[in-house]
Protein backbone atom coordinates (compact mmCIF):
# COMPACT_ATOMS: atom_id res chain seq x y z
CA MET A 1 0.00 0.00 0.00
CA ASN A 2 2.65 2.48 -1.04
CA HIS A 3 0.56 4.19 -3.66
CA PRO A 4 -0.03 7.83 -2.60
CA PHE A 5 -3.69 7.85 -3.61
CA MET A 6 -4.40 4.71 -1.57
CA MET A 7 -2.61 6.23 1.42
CA LEU A 8 -4.75 9.38 1.05
CA LEU A 9 -7.94 7.30 0.97
CA VAL A 10 -6.83 5.44 4.11
CA ARG A 11 -6.15 8.73 5.90
CA TRP A 12 -9.57 10.04 4.88
CA ALA A 13 -11.18 6.84 6.16
CA ILE A 14 -9.33 7.25 9.47
CA ILE A 15 -10.51 10.86 9.81
CA ALA A 16 -14.06 9.74 8.96
CA LEU A 17 -13.86 7.11 11.70
CA GLY A 18 -12.59 9.74 14.15
CA VAL A 19 -15.41 12.16 13.29
CA THR A 20 -17.95 9.33 13.58
CA LEU A 21 -16.57 8.39 17.01
CA ALA A 22 -16.71 12.03 18.06
CA THR A 23 -20.39 12.24 17.05
CA LYS A 24 -21.12 9.11 19.11
CA LEU A 25 -19.06 9.98 22.19
CA VAL A 26 -19.32 13.77 22.55
CA PRO A 27 -22.68 15.33 23.33
CA GLY A 28 -23.17 18.39 21.16
CA ILE A 29 -21.64 16.98 17.97
CA SER A 30 -23.91 15.53 15.30
CA CYS A 31 -23.60 14.58 11.65
CA ASP A 32 -26.71 13.99 9.56
CA ASP A 33 -25.61 11.52 6.89
CA THR A 34 -22.72 9.96 5.00
CA THR A 35 -22.55 12.69 2.39
CA THR A 36 -22.16 15.29 5.11
CA LEU A 37 -19.45 13.15 6.70
CA VAL A 38 -17.53 13.02 3.40
CA VAL A 39 -17.70 16.81 3.06
CA VAL A 40 -16.55 17.23 6.68
CA VAL A 41 -13.59 14.90 6.11
CA LEU A 42 -12.56 16.69 2.92
CA LEU A 43 -12.78 20.12 4.57
CA LEU A 44 -10.90 18.98 7.67
CA SER A 45 -8.16 17.54 5.47
CA PHE A 46 -7.96 20.72 3.42
CA PHE A 47 -7.88 22.97 6.48
CA ASN A 48 -5.23 20.78 8.14
CA ALA A 49 -3.09 21.05 5.02
CA VAL A 50 -3.56 24.78 4.36
CA LEU A 51 -4.77 26.71 7.41
CA LYS A 52 -3.22 24.72 10.26
CA PRO A 53 0.43 25.40 9.30
CA LEU A 54 -0.30 29.12 9.09
CA LEU A 55 -2.11 29.13 12.43
CA VAL A 56 0.72 27.18 14.04
CA LEU A 57 3.25 29.64 12.67
CA PHE A 58 1.37 32.67 13.98
CA THR A 59 0.66 31.13 17.39
CA LEU A 60 4.03 29.45 17.91
CA PRO A 61 4.91 31.42 21.08
CA PHE A 62 1.55 30.48 22.62
CA ILE A 63 2.05 26.83 21.63
CA LEU A 64 5.48 26.79 23.24
CA VAL A 65 4.27 28.45 26.45
CA THR A 66 1.34 26.03 26.76
CA LEU A 67 3.57 23.02 25.95
CA GLY A 68 1.53 22.02 22.91
CA LEU A 69 -1.98 22.69 24.20
CA GLY A 70 -2.26 25.39 21.54
CA ILE A 71 -2.23 22.70 18.84
CA VAL A 72 -5.34 21.12 20.36
CA LEU A 73 -7.01 24.53 20.49
CA ILE A 74 -6.18 25.08 16.80
CA ASN A 75 -7.68 21.66 15.99
CA ALA A 76 -10.81 22.57 17.94
CA PHE A 77 -11.02 25.89 16.09
CA LEU A 78 -10.80 24.08 12.73
CA PHE A 79 -13.46 21.61 13.92
CA MET A 80 -15.76 24.55 14.78
CA LEU A 81 -14.99 26.23 11.44
CA VAL A 82 -16.00 23.11 9.54
CA SER A 83 -19.24 22.93 11.54
CA ARG A 84 -20.05 26.51 10.54
CA LEU A 85 -19.45 25.79 6.86
CA VAL A 86 -21.18 22.41 6.47
CA ASP A 87 -24.94 22.12 6.83
CA GLY A 88 -25.83 18.94 8.69
CA PHE A 89 -22.67 18.90 10.82
CA GLU A 90 -23.36 20.58 14.14
CA VAL A 91 -20.96 21.39 16.97
CA ALA A 92 -22.83 22.99 19.86
CA SER A 93 -19.93 24.63 21.73
CA PHE A 94 -16.20 25.12 21.79
CA GLY A 95 -15.98 22.50 24.54
CA ALA A 96 -17.64 19.95 22.28
CA ALA A 97 -15.25 20.94 19.47
CA PHE A 98 -12.30 20.59 21.87
CA PHE A 99 -13.23 17.04 22.89
CA GLY A 100 -14.20 16.12 19.33
CA ALA A 101 -10.82 17.32 18.07
CA ILE A 102 -9.09 15.26 20.77
CA ILE A 103 -11.00 12.14 19.72
CA VAL A 104 -10.21 12.69 16.02
CA SER A 105 -6.54 13.34 16.85
CA ILE A 106 -6.18 10.22 19.02
CA THR A 107 -7.95 8.07 16.43
CA SER A 108 -5.69 9.43 13.70
CA LEU A 109 -2.57 8.96 15.79
CA LEU A 110 -3.37 5.35 16.67
CA LEU A 111 -4.62 4.19 13.28
CA ASN A 112 -2.02 6.05 11.21
CA GLY A 113 0.61 4.38 13.36
CA LEU A 114 -0.90 0.98 12.60
CA THR A 115 -1.29 1.58 8.87
CA ARG A 116 2.10 3.19 8.28
CA SER A 117 4.11 1.21 5.77
CA THR A 118 7.12 -0.50 7.26
CA LYS A 119 10.46 -0.37 5.50
CA LYS A 120 12.54 -3.45 4.81
CA ASN A 121 15.83 -3.79 6.66
CA GLY A 122 17.96 -2.67 3.72
CA ASP A 123 15.73 0.27 2.80
CA ASP A 124 16.10 2.32 5.98
CA SER A 125 18.21 5.39 5.13
CA ASN A 126 18.52 6.25 8.84
CA HIS A 127 20.08 2.89 9.61
CA ARG A 128 23.15 3.34 11.83
CA GLY A 129 24.33 -0.27 11.68
CA GLY A 130 27.36 -1.61 9.90
CA GLY A 131 25.47 -2.33 6.66
CA ARG A 132 25.66 -0.33 3.49
CA ARG A 133 23.29 2.55 2.91
CA PRO A 134 21.15 2.49 -0.20
CA PRO A 135 22.31 4.87 -2.93
CA ARG A 136 20.80 8.34 -2.78
CA ASP A 137 18.73 9.83 -5.54
CA PRO A 138 20.90 12.50 -7.22
CA ASP A 139 17.86 14.72 -7.90
CA VAL A 140 17.03 15.12 -4.20
CA ILE A 141 18.62 17.90 -2.19
CA ASP A 142 19.71 16.47 1.13
CA VAL A 143 20.06 19.11 3.82
């Protein structure tokens, strides 16, 4: 499962599972149907790819002072933003968004760790053992 499109579909399925768990476990979060869930997953993925890095950059001092709690607050903010944009996906309060974002994050962390492709012994470029390293691609800039 090294094909990028398949990996993207798996990540979307994991986010969909996390959002579904959040709707079941957190009072105040509801999702009407599967179509709404697909739109929520696509928007969350888009916002995590585009908005989250910018928000992290601008709030970096706050994130450092709070020892990472700021990341969870950014995730909750994005969760609330998606609920405002998608009809049929309701988040009643920031507290519900906070706990929903935690559930989606934990689900993603656990399942992405399980589905991550494992490298073969000879393919690990960070290998510190006595074996030979695989040749590097000359077109890649290694910093």
